[in-house]
Amino acid sequence: MTPYGKTAQNAIAAMSLMAEVYHEAPPVRLSSLQIAEKRNLMKPVVAKVLTVLSQAGLVTGAPGPNGGYRLAKPPEMISLFDISIQFDRLEESLNCPFGKEWCGNGPQCPLHNELKELRENTNRFLQENTLVLFQTNKEESS
């Protein structure tokens, strides 16, 4: 179970691979096909998330035989929140499972405080964890 949606999960999977091979110089670039194969993702999904991540300034792409994608910043500067916010609505407000007549329009629902705490914990988790985790894990397993 992850605290973010499927598309954000795919984006984190793609970016974690780029974090594993990240070097300032010479830069290591991966094609969308390489990422798809290594992370067992569908190539169109990888292409879609890379386009969004590129527009957000989180990855850079270069065309051609030596082209591909790489992180636009060092792994420690990219949080899971930076990635997931591109694909998921992580707004502060909660959608009440009891319907719009509850929380915000009347009394708070029985789950309000727990849901609010869960959202805050999820956002904190995503903000505090960066792609450097994947780079560290790779080095430790070598």
C-alpha atoms as a PDB file:
ATOM      1  CA  MET A   1       0.000   0.000   0.000  1.00  0.00           C
ATOM      2  CA  THR A   2       1.307   3.414  -0.925  1.00  0.00           C
ATOM      3  CA  PRO A   3       0.110   6.834   0.232  1.00  0.00           C
ATOM      4  CA  TYR A   4      -0.209   8.036  -3.373  1.00  0.00           C
ATOM      5  CA  GLY A   5      -1.959   7.006  -6.580  1.00  0.00           C
ATOM      6  CA  LYS A   6      -0.879   4.570  -9.273  1.00  0.00           C
ATOM      7  CA  THR A   7       0.467   7.188 -11.694  1.00  0.00           C
ATOM      8  CA  ALA A   8       2.498   8.832  -8.929  1.00  0.00           C
ATOM      9  CA  GLN A   9       3.747   5.381  -7.941  1.00  0.00           C
ATOM     10  CA  ASN A  10       4.898   4.779 -11.527  1.00  0.00           C
ATOM     11  CA  ALA A  11       6.600   8.170 -11.596  1.00  0.00           C
ATOM     12  CA  ILE A  12       8.438   7.437  -8.342  1.00  0.00           C
ATOM     13  CA  ALA A  13       9.483   4.057  -9.734  1.00  0.00           C
ATOM     14  CA  ALA A  14      10.895   5.715 -12.863  1.00  0.00           C
ATOM     15  CA  MET A  15      12.664   8.457 -10.933  1.00  0.00           C
ATOM     16  CA  SER A  16      14.070   6.032  -8.378  1.00  0.00           C
ATOM     17  CA  LEU A  17      15.874   4.237 -11.202  1.00  0.00           C
ATOM     18  CA  MET A  18      17.329   7.542 -12.393  1.00  0.00           C
ATOM     19  CA  ALA A  19      18.414   8.202  -8.798  1.00  0.00           C
ATOM     20  CA  GLU A  20      20.170   4.826  -8.665  1.00  0.00           C
ATOM     21  CA  VAL A  21      22.350   5.731 -11.656  1.00  0.00           C
ATOM     22  CA  TYR A  22      22.643   9.468 -10.942  1.00  0.00           C
ATOM     23  CA  HIS A  23      26.036  11.091 -11.520  1.00  0.00           C
ATOM     24  CA  GLU A  24      26.755  14.787 -12.023  1.00  0.00           C
ATOM     25  CA  ALA A  25      29.392  14.122 -14.677  1.00  0.00           C
ATOM     26  CA  PRO A  26      29.269  12.359 -16.929  1.00  0.00           C
ATOM     27  CA  PRO A  27      25.494  12.308 -16.761  1.00  0.00           C
ATOM     28  CA  VAL A  28      23.836   8.918 -17.074  1.00  0.00           C
ATOM     29  CA  ARG A  29      20.734   9.017 -19.239  1.00  0.00           C
ATOM     30  CA  LEU A  30      18.094   6.319 -19.492  1.00  0.00           C
ATOM     31  CA  SER A  31      15.593   5.860 -22.303  1.00  0.00           C
ATOM     32  CA  SER A  32      11.919   5.444 -21.513  1.00  0.00           C
ATOM     33  CA  LEU A  33      12.234   1.868 -22.801  1.00  0.00           C
ATOM     34  CA  GLN A  34      15.102   1.120 -20.387  1.00  0.00           C
ATOM     35  CA  ILE A  35      13.101   2.540 -17.504  1.00  0.00           C
ATOM     36  CA  ALA A  36       9.989   0.610 -18.511  1.00  0.00           C
ATOM     37  CA  GLU A  37      11.889  -2.666 -18.782  1.00  0.00           C
ATOM     38  CA  LYS A  38      13.868  -2.281 -15.548  1.00  0.00           C
ATOM     39  CA  ARG A  39      10.822  -1.236 -13.520  1.00  0.00           C
ATOM     40  CA  ASN A  40       8.392  -3.592 -15.260  1.00  0.00           C
ATOM     41  CA  LEU A  41       6.175  -0.731 -16.420  1.00  0.00           C
ATOM     42  CA  MET A  42       4.406  -0.173 -19.706  1.00  0.00           C
ATOM     43  CA  LYS A  43       6.396   2.100 -22.035  1.00  0.00           C
ATOM     44  CA  PRO A  44       3.445   4.459 -22.773  1.00  0.00           C
ATOM     45  CA  VAL A  45       2.979   4.983 -19.019  1.00  0.00           C
ATOM     46  CA  VAL A  46       6.667   5.798 -18.584  1.00  0.00           C
ATOM     47  CA  ALA A  47       6.574   8.183 -21.551  1.00  0.00           C
ATOM     48  CA  LYS A  48       3.550   9.954 -20.063  1.00  0.00           C
ATOM     49  CA  VAL A  49       5.044  10.406 -16.598  1.00  0.00           C
ATOM     50  CA  LEU A  50       8.403  11.517 -18.027  1.00  0.00           C
ATOM     51  CA  THR A  51       6.642  14.206 -20.052  1.00  0.00           C
ATOM     52  CA  VAL A  52       4.908  15.538 -16.944  1.00  0.00           C
ATOM     53  CA  LEU A  53       8.102  15.317 -14.866  1.00  0.00           C
ATOM     54  CA  SER A  54      10.040  17.126 -17.580  1.00  0.00           C
ATOM     55  CA  GLN A  55       7.467  19.929 -17.695  1.00  0.00           C
ATOM     56  CA  ALA A  56       7.745  20.184 -13.897  1.00  0.00           C
ATOM     57  CA  GLY A  57      11.543  20.550 -14.130  1.00  0.00           C
ATOM     58  CA  LEU A  58      12.259  17.316 -12.262  1.00  0.00           C
ATOM     59  CA  VAL A  59      13.882  15.485 -15.195  1.00  0.00           C
ATOM     60  CA  THR A  60      15.657  16.584 -18.339  1.00  0.00           C
ATOM     61  CA  GLY A  61      15.574  14.794 -21.631  1.00  0.00           C
ATOM     62  CA  ALA A  62      17.902  14.717 -24.602  1.00  0.00           C
ATOM     63  CA  PRO A  63      17.092  13.254 -28.003  1.00  0.00           C
ATOM     64  CA  GLY A  64      19.325  11.047 -30.096  1.00  0.00           C
ATOM     65  CA  PRO A  65      21.377   7.886 -29.766  1.00  0.00           C
ATOM     66  CA  ASN A  66      23.101   9.052 -26.564  1.00  0.00           C
ATOM     67  CA  GLY A  67      19.960  10.734 -25.300  1.00  0.00           C
ATOM     68  CA  GLY A  68      17.482   9.794 -22.656  1.00  0.00           C
ATOM     69  CA  TYR A  69      16.304  11.128 -19.329  1.00  0.00           C
ATOM     70  CA  ARG A  70      18.073  12.043 -16.129  1.00  0.00           C
ATOM     71  CA  LEU A  71      17.222  13.826 -12.911  1.00  0.00           C
ATOM     72  CA  ALA A  72      17.284  17.605 -13.261  1.00  0.00           C
ATOM     73  CA  LYS A  73      18.603  17.957  -9.691  1.00  0.00           C
ATOM     74  CA  PRO A  74      20.568  15.765  -7.313  1.00  0.00           C
ATOM     75  CA  PRO A  75      18.441  13.002  -5.702  1.00  0.00           C
ATOM     76  CA  GLU A  76      18.573  14.636  -2.267  1.00  0.00           C
ATOM     77  CA  MET A  77      16.839  17.716  -3.713  1.00  0.00           C
ATOM     78  CA  ILE A  78      13.794  15.832  -5.042  1.00  0.00           C
ATOM     79  CA  SER A  79      11.230  14.710  -2.498  1.00  0.00           C
ATOM     80  CA  LEU A  80       8.548  12.106  -3.051  1.00  0.00           C
ATOM     81  CA  PHE A  81       6.106  14.976  -2.543  1.00  0.00           C
ATOM     82  CA  ASP A  82       7.686  16.880  -5.470  1.00  0.00           C
ATOM     83  CA  ILE A  83       6.927  13.882  -7.667  1.00  0.00           C
ATOM     84  CA  SER A  84       3.528  12.819  -6.364  1.00  0.00           C
ATOM     85  CA  ILE A  85       2.076  16.346  -6.388  1.00  0.00           C
ATOM     86  CA  GLN A  86       2.421  16.288 -10.182  1.00  0.00           C
ATOM     87  CA  PHE A  87      -0.091  13.426 -10.374  1.00  0.00           C
ATOM     88  CA  ASP A  88      -2.185  13.411  -7.186  1.00  0.00           C
ATOM     89  CA  ARG A  89      -4.271  16.022  -5.490  1.00  0.00           C
ATOM     90  CA  LEU A  90      -2.659  16.298  -2.080  1.00  0.00           C
ATOM     91  CA  GLU A  91      -4.694  19.287  -0.975  1.00  0.00           C
ATOM     92  CA  GLU A  92      -5.192  20.124   2.657  1.00  0.00           C
ATOM     93  CA  SER A  93      -8.945  19.640   2.573  1.00  0.00           C
ATOM     94  CA  LEU A  94     -10.367  16.178   2.955  1.00  0.00           C
ATOM     95  CA  ASN A  95     -13.301  14.751   1.104  1.00  0.00           C
ATOM     96  CA  CYS A  96     -15.622  13.463   3.755  1.00  0.00           C
ATOM     97  CA  PRO A  97     -16.604   9.828   3.165  1.00  0.00           C
ATOM     98  CA  PHE A  98     -20.048  10.649   4.599  1.00  0.00           C
ATOM     99  CA  GLY A  99     -20.825  13.162   1.832  1.00  0.00           C
ATOM    100  CA  LYS A 100     -20.744  16.899   1.380  1.00  0.00           C
ATOM    101  CA  GLU A 101     -23.357  17.534   4.057  1.00  0.00           C
ATOM    102  CA  TRP A 102     -20.846  16.689   6.795  1.00  0.00           C
ATOM    103  CA  CYS A 103     -17.412  18.220   7.472  1.00  0.00           C
ATOM    104  CA  GLY A 104     -17.295  21.873   6.494  1.00  0.00           C
ATOM    105  CA  ASN A 105     -21.066  22.266   6.151  1.00  0.00           C
ATOM    106  CA  GLY A 106     -22.178  20.940   9.489  1.00  0.00           C
ATOM    107  CA  PRO A 107     -20.838  18.795  12.265  1.00  0.00           C
ATOM    108  CA  GLN A 108     -17.587  16.926  11.670  1.00  0.00           C
ATOM    109  CA  CYS A 109     -17.971  13.299  10.709  1.00  0.00           C
ATOM    110  CA  PRO A 110     -16.792  10.572  13.104  1.00  0.00           C
ATOM    111  CA  LEU A 111     -13.622  10.040  11.000  1.00  0.00           C
ATOM    112  CA  HIS A 112     -12.672  13.704  10.511  1.00  0.00           C
ATOM    113  CA  ASN A 113      -9.816  13.971  13.003  1.00  0.00           C
ATOM    114  CA  GLU A 114      -8.289  10.618  12.020  1.00  0.00           C
ATOM    115  CA  LEU A 115      -8.493  11.435   8.295  1.00  0.00           C
ATOM    116  CA  LYS A 116      -6.923  14.834   8.877  1.00  0.00           C
ATOM    117  CA  GLU A 117      -4.073  13.241  10.836  1.00  0.00           C
ATOM    118  CA  LEU A 118      -3.592  10.605   8.141  1.00  0.00           C
ATOM    119  CA  ARG A 119      -3.339  13.298   5.417  1.00  0.00           C
ATOM    120  CA  GLU A 120      -0.859  15.298   7.502  1.00  0.00           C
ATOM    121  CA  ASN A 121       1.272  12.207   8.154  1.00  0.00           C
ATOM    122  CA  THR A 122       1.163  11.250   4.478  1.00  0.00           C
ATOM    123  CA  ASN A 123       2.251  14.712   3.355  1.00  0.00           C
ATOM    124  CA  ARG A 124       5.012  14.785   5.964  1.00  0.00           C
ATOM    125  CA  PHE A 125       6.245  11.346   4.812  1.00  0.00           C
ATOM    126  CA  LEU A 126       6.295  12.452   1.168  1.00  0.00           C
ATOM    127  CA  GLN A 127       8.048  15.736   1.981  1.00  0.00           C
ATOM    128  CA  GLU A 128      10.696  14.243   4.281  1.00  0.00           C
ATOM    129  CA  ASN A 129      11.760  11.397   1.969  1.00  0.00           C
ATOM    130  CA  THR A 130      13.854  12.136  -1.092  1.00  0.00           C
ATOM    131  CA  LEU A 131      15.253  10.126  -3.966  1.00  0.00           C
ATOM    132  CA  VAL A 132      18.577   9.886  -2.153  1.00  0.00           C
ATOM    133  CA  LEU A 133      17.022   6.886  -0.373  1.00  0.00           C
ATOM    134  CA  PHE A 134      17.245   4.932  -3.606  1.00  0.00           C
ATOM    135  CA  GLN A 135      20.811   5.979  -4.242  1.00  0.00           C
ATOM    136  CA  THR A 136      21.834   4.937  -0.724  1.00  0.00           C
ATOM    137  CA  ASN A 137      20.082   1.570  -0.995  1.00  0.00           C
ATOM    138  CA  LYS A 138      21.898   0.843  -4.246  1.00  0.00           C
ATOM    139  CA  GLU A 139      25.299   1.640  -2.740  1.00  0.00           C
ATOM    140  CA  GLU A 140      24.600  -0.442   0.384  1.00  0.00           C
ATOM    141  CA  SER A 141      23.592  -3.494  -1.663  1.00  0.00           C
ATOM    142  CA  SER A 142      26.762  -3.372  -3.808  1.00  0.00           C
END
